[in-house]
Amino acid sequence: GDATGEHPAAVGMLTMLPGGDEATLAVANLPPPPAGNTYQAWLIVGGAPVSAGTFAVDAGGGGHHTIPATTGSFEGVGVSLEPSGGSDQPTPGNVILLGSLDS
C-alpha cells in the first residue's frame, strides 16, 4: 500500500508471467509526477532495493511496467518518485508504494 500516507488511493500489483522470465507491475491512482520527476520501480532483494527502471503513468494515474526477472529471487516491490532518469537508491520519503510478495 501507500507508504507515505499521501496517496491513499494508489495501488500496485505485480504479476509474474508463467516461465518467470518477466514480471508486470500495474499501478493505479498514482498522481502524475511533477515536472522533472518520474516514477521508478524497485525490487527488494535481500532487504535492499534494486532499481527495476522508470515508468510513466497516464492522466488517470494508471500505468504498466515490465520488469525483466533477471535479478533472481526478490521478496518485495516498491515504487518511488525520483528525478527524471531515475536514482541509484529510492529517495527517502518518496516511496509511494511498497509491498511484499506472497510466496
PDB file of N, CA and C in Angstrom:
ATOM      1  N   GLY A   1       0.816  -1.194   0.000  1.00  0.00           N
ATOM      2  CA  GLY A   1       0.000   0.000   0.000  1.00  0.00           C
ATOM      3  C   GLY A   1       0.854   1.249   0.000  1.00  0.00           C
ATOM      4  N   ASP A   2       0.206   2.385   0.210  1.00  0.00           N
ATOM      5  CA  ASP A   2       0.867   3.675   0.156  1.00  0.00           C
ATOM      6  C   ASP A   2       1.693   3.880   1.413  1.00  0.00           C
ATOM      7  N   ALA A   3       3.014   3.957   1.241  1.00  0.00           N
ATOM      8  CA  ALA A   3       3.915   4.056   2.388  1.00  0.00           C
ATOM      9  C   ALA A   3       3.956   5.468   2.965  1.00  0.00           C
ATOM     10  N   THR A   4       3.631   6.488   2.162  1.00  0.00           N
ATOM     11  CA  THR A   4       3.744   7.863   2.649  1.00  0.00           C
ATOM     12  C   THR A   4       2.473   8.350   3.321  1.00  0.00           C
ATOM     13  N   GLY A   5       1.343   7.729   3.004  1.00  0.00           N
ATOM     14  CA  GLY A   5       0.076   8.203   3.530  1.00  0.00           C
ATOM     15  C   GLY A   5      -0.494   9.357   2.733  1.00  0.00           C
ATOM     16  N   GLU A   6       0.267   9.836   1.727  1.00  0.00           N
ATOM     17  CA  GLU A   6      -0.178  10.991   0.953  1.00  0.00           C
ATOM     18  C   GLU A   6      -1.046  10.597  -0.238  1.00  0.00           C
ATOM     19  N   HIS A   7      -0.987   9.340  -0.633  1.00  0.00           N
ATOM     20  CA  HIS A   7      -1.730   8.895  -1.813  1.00  0.00           C
ATOM     21  C   HIS A   7      -2.491   7.612  -1.465  1.00  0.00           C
ATOM     22  N   PRO A   8      -3.489   7.723  -0.586  1.00  0.00           N
ATOM     23  CA  PRO A   8      -4.143   6.509  -0.067  1.00  0.00           C
ATOM     24  C   PRO A   8      -4.835   5.666  -1.130  1.00  0.00           C
ATOM     25  N   ALA A   9      -5.169   6.278  -2.291  1.00  0.00           N
ATOM     26  CA  ALA A   9      -5.856   5.509  -3.323  1.00  0.00           C
ATOM     27  C   ALA A   9      -4.885   4.765  -4.239  1.00  0.00           C
ATOM     28  N   ALA A  10      -3.591   5.085  -4.118  1.00  0.00           N
ATOM     29  CA  ALA A  10      -2.601   4.472  -5.009  1.00  0.00           C
ATOM     30  C   ALA A  10      -2.486   2.983  -4.717  1.00  0.00           C
ATOM     31  N   VAL A  11      -2.486   2.191  -5.779  1.00  0.00           N
ATOM     32  CA  VAL A  11      -2.346   0.748  -5.629  1.00  0.00           C
ATOM     33  C   VAL A  11      -1.400   0.228  -6.701  1.00  0.00           C
ATOM     34  N   GLY A  12      -0.784  -0.891  -6.414  1.00  0.00           N
ATOM     35  CA  GLY A  12       0.078  -1.540  -7.392  1.00  0.00           C
ATOM     36  C   GLY A  12      -0.034  -3.041  -7.250  1.00  0.00           C
ATOM     37  N   MET A  13       0.119  -3.734  -8.360  1.00  0.00           N
ATOM     38  CA  MET A  13       0.071  -5.191  -8.324  1.00  0.00           C
ATOM     39  C   MET A  13       1.147  -5.739  -9.253  1.00  0.00           C
ATOM     40  N   LEU A  14       1.924  -6.664  -8.749  1.00  0.00           N
ATOM     41  CA  LEU A  14       2.973  -7.290  -9.541  1.00  0.00           C
ATOM     42  C   LEU A  14       2.509  -8.671  -9.981  1.00  0.00           C
ATOM     43  N   THR A  15       2.574  -8.923 -11.277  1.00  0.00           N
ATOM     44  CA  THR A  15       2.154 -10.205 -11.831  1.00  0.00           C
ATOM     45  C   THR A  15       3.351 -10.884 -12.484  1.00  0.00           C
ATOM     46  N   MET A  16       3.681 -12.078 -12.006  1.00  0.00           N
ATOM     47  CA  MET A  16       4.746 -12.861 -12.626  1.00  0.00           C
ATOM     48  C   MET A  16       4.157 -13.668 -13.776  1.00  0.00           C
ATOM     49  N   LEU A  17       4.801 -13.619 -14.911  1.00  0.00           N
ATOM     50  CA  LEU A  17       4.327 -14.393 -16.050  1.00  0.00           C
ATOM     51  C   LEU A  17       4.801 -15.832 -15.943  1.00  0.00           C
ATOM     52  N   PRO A  18       4.029 -16.773 -16.485  1.00  0.00           N
ATOM     53  CA  PRO A  18       4.479 -18.179 -16.474  1.00  0.00           C
ATOM     54  C   PRO A  18       5.842 -18.295 -17.147  1.00  0.00           C
ATOM     55  N   GLY A  19       6.720 -19.062 -16.532  1.00  0.00           N
ATOM     56  CA  GLY A  19       8.070 -19.172 -17.046  1.00  0.00           C
ATOM     57  C   GLY A  19       9.034 -18.306 -16.265  1.00  0.00           C
ATOM     58  N   GLY A  20       8.482 -17.290 -15.599  1.00  0.00           N
ATOM     59  CA  GLY A  20       9.287 -16.491 -14.696  1.00  0.00           C
ATOM     60  C   GLY A  20      10.328 -15.615 -15.354  1.00  0.00           C
ATOM     61  N   ASP A  21      10.184 -15.319 -16.678  1.00  0.00           N
ATOM     62  CA  ASP A  21      11.216 -14.510 -17.297  1.00  0.00           C
ATOM     63  C   ASP A  21      10.946 -13.016 -17.191  1.00  0.00           C
ATOM     64  N   GLU A  22       9.744 -12.634 -16.821  1.00  0.00           N
ATOM     65  CA  GLU A  22       9.481 -11.225 -16.577  1.00  0.00           C
ATOM     66  C   GLU A  22       8.251 -11.079 -15.701  1.00  0.00           C
ATOM     67  N   ALA A  23       8.145  -9.884 -15.136  1.00  0.00           N
ATOM     68  CA  ALA A  23       7.006  -9.552 -14.290  1.00  0.00           C
ATOM     69  C   ALA A  23       6.405  -8.257 -14.807  1.00  0.00           C
ATOM     70  N   THR A  24       5.112  -8.077 -14.579  1.00  0.00           N
ATOM     71  CA  THR A  24       4.449  -6.844 -14.962  1.00  0.00           C
ATOM     72  C   THR A  24       3.941  -6.149 -13.714  1.00  0.00           C
ATOM     73  N   LEU A  25       4.344  -4.898 -13.544  1.00  0.00           N
ATOM     74  CA  LEU A  25       3.858  -4.078 -12.444  1.00  0.00           C
ATOM     75  C   LEU A  25       2.748  -3.185 -12.984  1.00  0.00           C
ATOM     76  N   ALA A  26       1.558  -3.332 -12.443  1.00  0.00           N
ATOM     77  CA  ALA A  26       0.426  -2.490 -12.818  1.00  0.00           C
ATOM     78  C   ALA A  26       0.124  -1.550 -11.655  1.00  0.00           C
ATOM     79  N   VAL A  27       0.014  -0.262 -11.946  1.00  0.00           N
ATOM     80  CA  VAL A  27      -0.292   0.715 -10.905  1.00  0.00           C
ATOM     81  C   VAL A  27      -1.554   1.474 -11.280  1.00  0.00           C
ATOM     82  N   ALA A  28      -2.227   1.991 -10.276  1.00  0.00           N
ATOM     83  CA  ALA A  28      -3.433   2.780 -10.493  1.00  0.00           C
ATOM     84  C   ALA A  28      -3.499   3.884  -9.443  1.00  0.00           C
ATOM     85  N   ASN A  29      -4.150   4.979  -9.822  1.00  0.00           N
ATOM     86  CA  ASN A  29      -4.406   6.099  -8.912  1.00  0.00           C
ATOM     87  C   ASN A  29      -3.138   6.791  -8.422  1.00  0.00           C
ATOM     88  N   LEU A  30      -2.068   6.709  -9.217  1.00  0.00           N
ATOM     89  CA  LEU A  30      -0.874   7.484  -8.882  1.00  0.00           C
ATOM     90  C   LEU A  30      -1.020   8.871  -9.505  1.00  0.00           C
ATOM     91  N   PRO A  31      -0.702   9.933  -8.766  1.00  0.00           N
ATOM     92  CA  PRO A  31      -0.793  11.265  -9.362  1.00  0.00           C
ATOM     93  C   PRO A  31       0.295  11.434 -10.423  1.00  0.00           C
ATOM     94  N   PRO A  32       0.030  12.181 -11.490  1.00  0.00           N
ATOM     95  CA  PRO A  32       1.100  12.435 -12.460  1.00  0.00           C
ATOM     96  C   PRO A  32       2.295  13.068 -11.751  1.00  0.00           C
ATOM     97  N   PRO A  33       3.501  12.632 -12.063  1.00  0.00           N
ATOM     98  CA  PRO A  33       4.664  13.174 -11.348  1.00  0.00           C
ATOM     99  C   PRO A  33       4.895  14.638 -11.697  1.00  0.00           C
ATOM    100  N   PRO A  34       5.453  15.397 -10.775  1.00  0.00           N
ATOM    101  CA  PRO A  34       5.794  16.794 -11.069  1.00  0.00           C
ATOM    102  C   PRO A  34       6.791  16.871 -12.212  1.00  0.00           C
ATOM    103  N   ALA A  35       6.874  18.022 -12.850  1.00  0.00           N
ATOM    104  CA  ALA A  35       7.829  18.211 -13.943  1.00  0.00           C
ATOM    105  C   ALA A  35       9.242  17.885 -13.457  1.00  0.00           C
ATOM    106  N   GLY A  36       9.980  17.174 -14.281  1.00  0.00           N
ATOM    107  CA  GLY A  36      11.347  16.832 -13.919  1.00  0.00           C
ATOM    108  C   GLY A  36      11.461  15.610 -13.038  1.00  0.00           C
ATOM    109  N   ASN A  37      10.345  14.910 -12.833  1.00  0.00           N
ATOM    110  CA  ASN A  37      10.353  13.716 -11.996  1.00  0.00           C
ATOM    111  C   ASN A  37       9.751  12.541 -12.754  1.00  0.00           C
ATOM    112  N   THR A  38      10.009  11.352 -12.259  1.00  0.00           N
ATOM    113  CA  THR A  38       9.465  10.141 -12.859  1.00  0.00           C
ATOM    114  C   THR A  38       9.218   9.127 -11.756  1.00  0.00           C
ATOM    115  N   TYR A  39       8.416   8.135 -12.068  1.00  0.00           N
ATOM    116  CA  TYR A  39       8.260   7.018 -11.137  1.00  0.00           C
ATOM    117  C   TYR A  39       9.319   5.968 -11.432  1.00  0.00           C
ATOM    118  N   GLN A  40       9.823   5.354 -10.373  1.00  0.00           N
ATOM    119  CA  GLN A  40      10.833   4.309 -10.516  1.00  0.00           C
ATOM    120  C   GLN A  40      10.387   3.092  -9.720  1.00  0.00           C
ATOM    121  N   ALA A  41      10.520   1.932 -10.357  1.00  0.00           N
ATOM    122  CA  ALA A  41      10.161   0.676  -9.690  1.00  0.00           C
ATOM    123  C   ALA A  41      11.404   0.074  -9.044  1.00  0.00           C
ATOM    124  N   TRP A  42      11.196  -0.623  -7.946  1.00  0.00           N
ATOM    125  CA  TRP A  42      12.296  -1.244  -7.192  1.00  0.00           C
ATOM    126  C   TRP A  42      11.917  -2.667  -6.837  1.00  0.00           C
ATOM    127  N   LEU A  43      12.871  -3.565  -6.963  1.00  0.00           N
ATOM    128  CA  LEU A  43      12.712  -4.910  -6.418  1.00  0.00           C
ATOM    129  C   LEU A  43      13.501  -4.965  -5.119  1.00  0.00           C
ATOM    130  N   ILE A  44      12.897  -5.571  -4.101  1.00  0.00           N
ATOM    131  CA  ILE A  44      13.571  -5.703  -2.815  1.00  0.00           C
ATOM    132  C   ILE A  44      14.265  -7.069  -2.805  1.00  0.00           C
ATOM    133  N   VAL A  45      15.587  -7.042  -2.828  1.00  0.00           N
ATOM    134  CA  VAL A  45      16.394  -8.261  -2.891  1.00  0.00           C
ATOM    135  C   VAL A  45      17.293  -8.299  -1.658  1.00  0.00           C
ATOM    136  N   GLY A  46      17.106  -9.306  -0.832  1.00  0.00           N
ATOM    137  CA  GLY A  46      17.911  -9.394   0.385  1.00  0.00           C
ATOM    138  C   GLY A  46      17.743  -8.190   1.282  1.00  0.00           C
ATOM    139  N   GLY A  47      16.551  -7.599   1.264  1.00  0.00           N
ATOM    140  CA  GLY A  47      16.266  -6.450   2.113  1.00  0.00           C
ATOM    141  C   GLY A  47      16.718  -5.124   1.537  1.00  0.00           C
ATOM    142  N   ALA A  48      17.340  -5.132   0.349  1.00  0.00           N
ATOM    143  CA  ALA A  48      17.839  -3.899  -0.248  1.00  0.00           C
ATOM    144  C   ALA A  48      17.145  -3.634  -1.574  1.00  0.00           C
ATOM    145  N   PRO A  49      16.887  -2.360  -1.890  1.00  0.00           N
ATOM    146  CA  PRO A  49      16.212  -2.040  -3.148  1.00  0.00           C
ATOM    147  C   PRO A  49      17.156  -2.108  -4.343  1.00  0.00           C
ATOM    148  N   VAL A  50      16.671  -2.712  -5.425  1.00  0.00           N
ATOM    149  CA  VAL A  50      17.412  -2.789  -6.682  1.00  0.00           C
ATOM    150  C   VAL A  50      16.529  -2.150  -7.755  1.00  0.00           C
ATOM    151  N   SER A  51      17.081  -1.204  -8.495  1.00  0.00           N
ATOM    152  CA  SER A  51      16.273  -0.496  -9.488  1.00  0.00           C
ATOM    153  C   SER A  51      15.709  -1.448 -10.521  1.00  0.00           C
ATOM    154  N   ALA A  52      14.414  -1.265 -10.832  1.00  0.00           N
ATOM    155  CA  ALA A  52      13.768  -2.036 -11.892  1.00  0.00           C
ATOM    156  C   ALA A  52      13.320  -1.111 -13.019  1.00  0.00           C
ATOM    157  N   GLY A  53      13.886   0.109 -13.061  1.00  0.00           N
ATOM    158  CA  GLY A  53      13.615   1.020 -14.159  1.00  0.00           C
ATOM    159  C   GLY A  53      12.543   2.039 -13.851  1.00  0.00           C
ATOM    160  N   THR A  54      12.457   3.039 -14.712  1.00  0.00           N
ATOM    161  CA  THR A  54      11.486   4.107 -14.540  1.00  0.00           C
ATOM    162  C   THR A  54      10.289   3.885 -15.462  1.00  0.00           C
ATOM    163  N   PHE A  55       9.171   4.500 -15.113  1.00  0.00           N
ATOM    164  CA  PHE A  55       7.970   4.359 -15.930  1.00  0.00           C
ATOM    165  C   PHE A  55       7.089   5.584 -15.759  1.00  0.00           C
ATOM    166  N   ALA A  56       6.154   5.739 -16.664  1.00  0.00           N
ATOM    167  CA  ALA A  56       5.232   6.867 -16.636  1.00  0.00           C
ATOM    168  C   ALA A  56       3.824   6.371 -16.341  1.00  0.00           C
ATOM    169  N   VAL A  57       2.964   7.291 -15.924  1.00  0.00           N
ATOM    170  CA  VAL A  57       1.552   6.976 -15.734  1.00  0.00           C
ATOM    171  C   VAL A  57       0.739   7.883 -16.653  1.00  0.00           C
ATOM    172  N   ASP A  58      -0.473   7.429 -17.000  1.00  0.00           N
ATOM    173  CA  ASP A  58      -1.344   8.240 -17.840  1.00  0.00           C
ATOM    174  C   ASP A  58      -2.074   9.288 -16.999  1.00  0.00           C
ATOM    175  N   ALA A  59      -2.911  10.072 -17.651  1.00  0.00           N
ATOM    176  CA  ALA A  59      -3.594  11.169 -16.962  1.00  0.00           C
ATOM    177  C   ALA A  59      -4.468  10.666 -15.818  1.00  0.00           C
ATOM    178  N   GLY A  60      -4.922   9.414 -15.903  1.00  0.00           N
ATOM    179  CA  GLY A  60      -5.745   8.848 -14.845  1.00  0.00           C
ATOM    180  C   GLY A  60      -4.943   8.200 -13.735  1.00  0.00           C
ATOM    181  N   GLY A  61      -3.610   8.245 -13.847  1.00  0.00           N
ATOM    182  CA  GLY A  61      -2.768   7.694 -12.788  1.00  0.00           C
ATOM    183  C   GLY A  61      -2.493   6.218 -12.926  1.00  0.00           C
ATOM    184  N   GLY A  62      -2.784   5.643 -14.102  1.00  0.00           N
ATOM    185  CA  GLY A  62      -2.539   4.222 -14.302  1.00  0.00           C
ATOM    186  C   GLY A  62      -1.332   3.985 -15.186  1.00  0.00           C
ATOM    187  N   GLY A  63      -0.688   2.856 -15.001  1.00  0.00           N
ATOM    188  CA  GLY A  63       0.451   2.517 -15.843  1.00  0.00           C
ATOM    189  C   GLY A  63       0.819   1.062 -15.713  1.00  0.00           C
ATOM    190  N   HIS A  64       1.586   0.583 -16.692  1.00  0.00           N
ATOM    191  CA  HIS A  64       2.119  -0.774 -16.659  1.00  0.00           C
ATOM    192  C   HIS A  64       3.612  -0.706 -16.917  1.00  0.00           C
ATOM    193  N   HIS A  65       4.364  -1.503 -16.197  1.00  0.00           N
ATOM    194  CA  HIS A  65       5.811  -1.503 -16.338  1.00  0.00           C
ATOM    195  C   HIS A  65       6.288  -2.948 -16.331  1.00  0.00           C
ATOM    196  N   THR A  66       7.010  -3.327 -17.380  1.00  0.00           N
ATOM    197  CA  THR A  66       7.525  -4.693 -17.470  1.00  0.00           C
ATOM    198  C   THR A  66       8.914  -4.753 -16.840  1.00  0.00           C
ATOM    199  N   ILE A  67       9.093  -5.714 -15.951  1.00  0.00           N
ATOM    200  CA  ILE A  67      10.357  -5.881 -15.238  1.00  0.00           C
ATOM    201  C   ILE A  67      10.959  -7.218 -15.639  1.00  0.00           C
ATOM    202  N   PRO A  68      12.121  -7.215 -16.311  1.00  0.00           N
ATOM    203  CA  PRO A  68      12.767  -8.495 -16.610  1.00  0.00           C
ATOM    204  C   PRO A  68      13.180  -9.173 -15.300  1.00  0.00           C
ATOM    205  N   ALA A  69      12.854 -10.435 -15.170  1.00  0.00           N
ATOM    206  CA  ALA A  69      13.156 -11.141 -13.917  1.00  0.00           C
ATOM    207  C   ALA A  69      14.578 -11.702 -13.957  1.00  0.00           C
ATOM    208  N   THR A  70      15.537 -10.802 -14.189  1.00  0.00           N
ATOM    209  CA  THR A  70      16.932 -11.218 -14.260  1.00  0.00           C
ATOM    210  C   THR A  70      17.645 -11.056 -12.931  1.00  0.00           C
ATOM    211  N   THR A  71      16.911 -10.552 -11.929  1.00  0.00           N
ATOM    212  CA  THR A  71      17.544 -10.295 -10.643  1.00  0.00           C
ATOM    213  C   THR A  71      17.505 -11.520  -9.735  1.00  0.00           C
ATOM    214  N   GLY A  72      16.941 -12.610 -10.214  1.00  0.00           N
ATOM    215  CA  GLY A  72      16.790 -13.773  -9.345  1.00  0.00           C
ATOM    216  C   GLY A  72      15.599 -13.588  -8.425  1.00  0.00           C
ATOM    217  N   SER A  73      15.665 -14.160  -7.259  1.00  0.00           N
ATOM    218  CA  SER A  73      14.524 -14.076  -6.355  1.00  0.00           C
ATOM    219  C   SER A  73      14.504 -12.721  -5.659  1.00  0.00           C
ATOM    220  N   PHE A  74      13.316 -12.224  -5.413  1.00  0.00           N
ATOM    221  CA  PHE A  74      13.156 -10.976  -4.673  1.00  0.00           C
ATOM    222  C   PHE A  74      11.942 -11.124  -3.785  1.00  0.00           C
ATOM    223  N   GLU A  75      11.951 -10.343  -2.697  1.00  0.00           N
ATOM    224  CA  GLU A  75      10.877 -10.538  -1.716  1.00  0.00           C
ATOM    225  C   GLU A  75       9.871  -9.405  -1.674  1.00  0.00           C
ATOM    226  N   GLY A  76      10.109  -8.358  -2.443  1.00  0.00           N
ATOM    227  CA  GLY A  76       9.144  -7.275  -2.443  1.00  0.00           C
ATOM    228  C   GLY A  76       9.327  -6.378  -3.644  1.00  0.00           C
ATOM    229  N   VAL A  77       8.408  -5.432  -3.782  1.00  0.00           N
ATOM    230  CA  VAL A  77       8.472  -4.468  -4.877  1.00  0.00           C
ATOM    231  C   VAL A  77       8.019  -3.123  -4.342  1.00  0.00           C
ATOM    232  N   GLY A  78       8.607  -2.059  -4.881  1.00  0.00           N
ATOM    233  CA  GLY A  78       8.236  -0.727  -4.450  1.00  0.00           C
ATOM    234  C   GLY A  78       8.203   0.229  -5.625  1.00  0.00           C
ATOM    235  N   VAL A  79       7.573   1.384  -5.404  1.00  0.00           N
ATOM    236  CA  VAL A  79       7.541   2.459  -6.386  1.00  0.00           C
ATOM    237  C   VAL A  79       7.859   3.747  -5.641  1.00  0.00           C
ATOM    238  N   SER A  80       8.770   4.541  -6.209  1.00  0.00           N
ATOM    239  CA  SER A  80       9.090   5.832  -5.607  1.00  0.00           C
ATOM    240  C   SER A  80       9.081   6.909  -6.675  1.00  0.00           C
ATOM    241  N   LEU A  81       9.004   8.158  -6.215  1.00  0.00           N
ATOM    242  CA  LEU A  81       9.067   9.317  -7.092  1.00  0.00           C
ATOM    243  C   LEU A  81      10.507   9.800  -7.101  1.00  0.00           C
ATOM    244  N   GLU A  82      11.122   9.839  -8.302  1.00  0.00           N
ATOM    245  CA  GLU A  82      12.538  10.173  -8.414  1.00  0.00           C
ATOM    246  C   GLU A  82      12.755  11.242  -9.477  1.00  0.00           C
ATOM    247  N   PRO A  83      13.917  11.906  -9.450  1.00  0.00           N
ATOM    248  CA  PRO A  83      14.244  12.837 -10.538  1.00  0.00           C
ATOM    249  C   PRO A  83      14.268  12.102 -11.877  1.00  0.00           C
ATOM    250  N   SER A  84      13.955  12.814 -12.956  1.00  0.00           N
ATOM    251  CA  SER A  84      13.975  12.203 -14.283  1.00  0.00           C
ATOM    252  C   SER A  84      15.301  11.496 -14.517  1.00  0.00           C
ATOM    253  N   GLY A  85      15.229  10.295 -15.081  1.00  0.00           N
ATOM    254  CA  GLY A  85      16.421   9.490 -15.281  1.00  0.00           C
ATOM    255  C   GLY A  85      16.608   8.456 -14.199  1.00  0.00           C
ATOM    256  N   GLY A  86      15.896   8.622 -13.080  1.00  0.00           N
ATOM    257  CA  GLY A  86      15.965   7.627 -12.020  1.00  0.00           C
ATOM    258  C   GLY A  86      17.106   7.874 -11.055  1.00  0.00           C
ATOM    259  N   SER A  87      17.125   7.090  -9.998  1.00  0.00           N
ATOM    260  CA  SER A  87      18.128   7.206  -8.942  1.00  0.00           C
ATOM    261  C   SER A  87      18.758   5.841  -8.689  1.00  0.00           C
ATOM    262  N   ASP A  88      19.909   5.856  -8.006  1.00  0.00           N
ATOM    263  CA  ASP A  88      20.561   4.597  -7.638  1.00  0.00           C
ATOM    264  C   ASP A  88      19.850   3.931  -6.470  1.00  0.00           C
ATOM    265  N   GLN A  89      19.249   4.754  -5.604  1.00  0.00           N
ATOM    266  CA  GLN A  89      18.515   4.271  -4.446  1.00  0.00           C
ATOM    267  C   GLN A  89      17.248   5.105  -4.324  1.00  0.00           C
ATOM    268  N   PRO A  90      16.191   4.530  -3.741  1.00  0.00           N
ATOM    269  CA  PRO A  90      14.963   5.326  -3.577  1.00  0.00           C
ATOM    270  C   PRO A  90      15.216   6.547  -2.697  1.00  0.00           C
ATOM    271  N   THR A  91      14.635   7.663  -3.059  1.00  0.00           N
ATOM    272  CA  THR A  91      14.742   8.873  -2.249  1.00  0.00           C
ATOM    273  C   THR A  91      13.917   8.695  -0.978  1.00  0.00           C
ATOM    274  N   PRO A  92      14.554   8.833   0.204  1.00  0.00           N
ATOM    275  CA  PRO A  92      13.789   8.661   1.458  1.00  0.00           C
ATOM    276  C   PRO A  92      12.586   9.598   1.491  1.00  0.00           C
ATOM    277  N   GLY A  93      11.470   9.070   1.898  1.00  0.00           N
ATOM    278  CA  GLY A  93      10.252   9.861   1.980  1.00  0.00           C
ATOM    279  C   GLY A  93       9.460   9.910   0.680  1.00  0.00           C
ATOM    280  N   ASN A  94      10.047   9.413  -0.416  1.00  0.00           N
ATOM    281  CA  ASN A  94       9.358   9.451  -1.699  1.00  0.00           C
ATOM    282  C   ASN A  94       8.866   8.076  -2.150  1.00  0.00           C
ATOM    283  N   VAL A  95       8.935   7.094  -1.262  1.00  0.00           N
ATOM    284  CA  VAL A  95       8.427   5.767  -1.612  1.00  0.00           C
ATOM    285  C   VAL A  95       6.905   5.793  -1.464  1.00  0.00           C
ATOM    286  N   ILE A  96       6.226   5.614  -2.589  1.00  0.00           N
ATOM    287  CA  ILE A  96       4.762   5.735  -2.592  1.00  0.00           C
ATOM    288  C   ILE A  96       4.104   4.374  -2.403  1.00  0.00           C
ATOM    289  N   LEU A  97       4.642   3.361  -3.045  1.00  0.00           N
ATOM    290  CA  LEU A  97       4.085   2.019  -2.901  1.00  0.00           C
ATOM    291  C   LEU A  97       5.185   1.071  -2.451  1.00  0.00           C
ATOM    292  N   LEU A  98       4.870   0.182  -1.527  1.00  0.00           N
ATOM    293  CA  LEU A  98       5.820  -0.825  -1.088  1.00  0.00           C
ATOM    294  C   LEU A  98       5.036  -2.044  -0.658  1.00  0.00           C
ATOM    295  N   GLY A  99       5.379  -3.174  -1.232  1.00  0.00           N
ATOM    296  CA  GLY A  99       4.657  -4.395  -0.892  1.00  0.00           C
ATOM    297  C   GLY A  99       5.571  -5.598  -0.909  1.00  0.00           C
ATOM    298  N   SER A 100       5.190  -6.607  -0.165  1.00  0.00           N
ATOM    299  CA  SER A 100       5.945  -7.852  -0.157  1.00  0.00           C
ATOM    300  C   SER A 100       5.237  -8.872  -1.040  1.00  0.00           C
ATOM    301  N   LEU A 101       5.994  -9.839  -1.510  1.00  0.00           N
ATOM    302  CA  LEU A 101       5.422 -10.875  -2.370  1.00  0.00           C
ATOM    303  C   LEU A 101       4.799 -11.960  -1.502  1.00  0.00           C
ATOM    304  N   ASP A 102       3.668 -12.427  -1.934  1.00  0.00           N
ATOM    305  CA  ASP A 102       3.024 -13.565  -1.269  1.00  0.00           C
ATOM    306  C   ASP A 102       3.528 -14.825  -1.956  1.00  0.00           C
ATOM    307  N   SER A 103       4.536 -15.447  -1.363  1.00  0.00           N
ATOM    308  CA  SER A 103       5.104 -16.635  -1.992  1.00  0.00           C
ATOM    309  C   SER A 103       4.795 -17.873  -1.156  1.00  0.00           C
TER     310      SER A 103
END
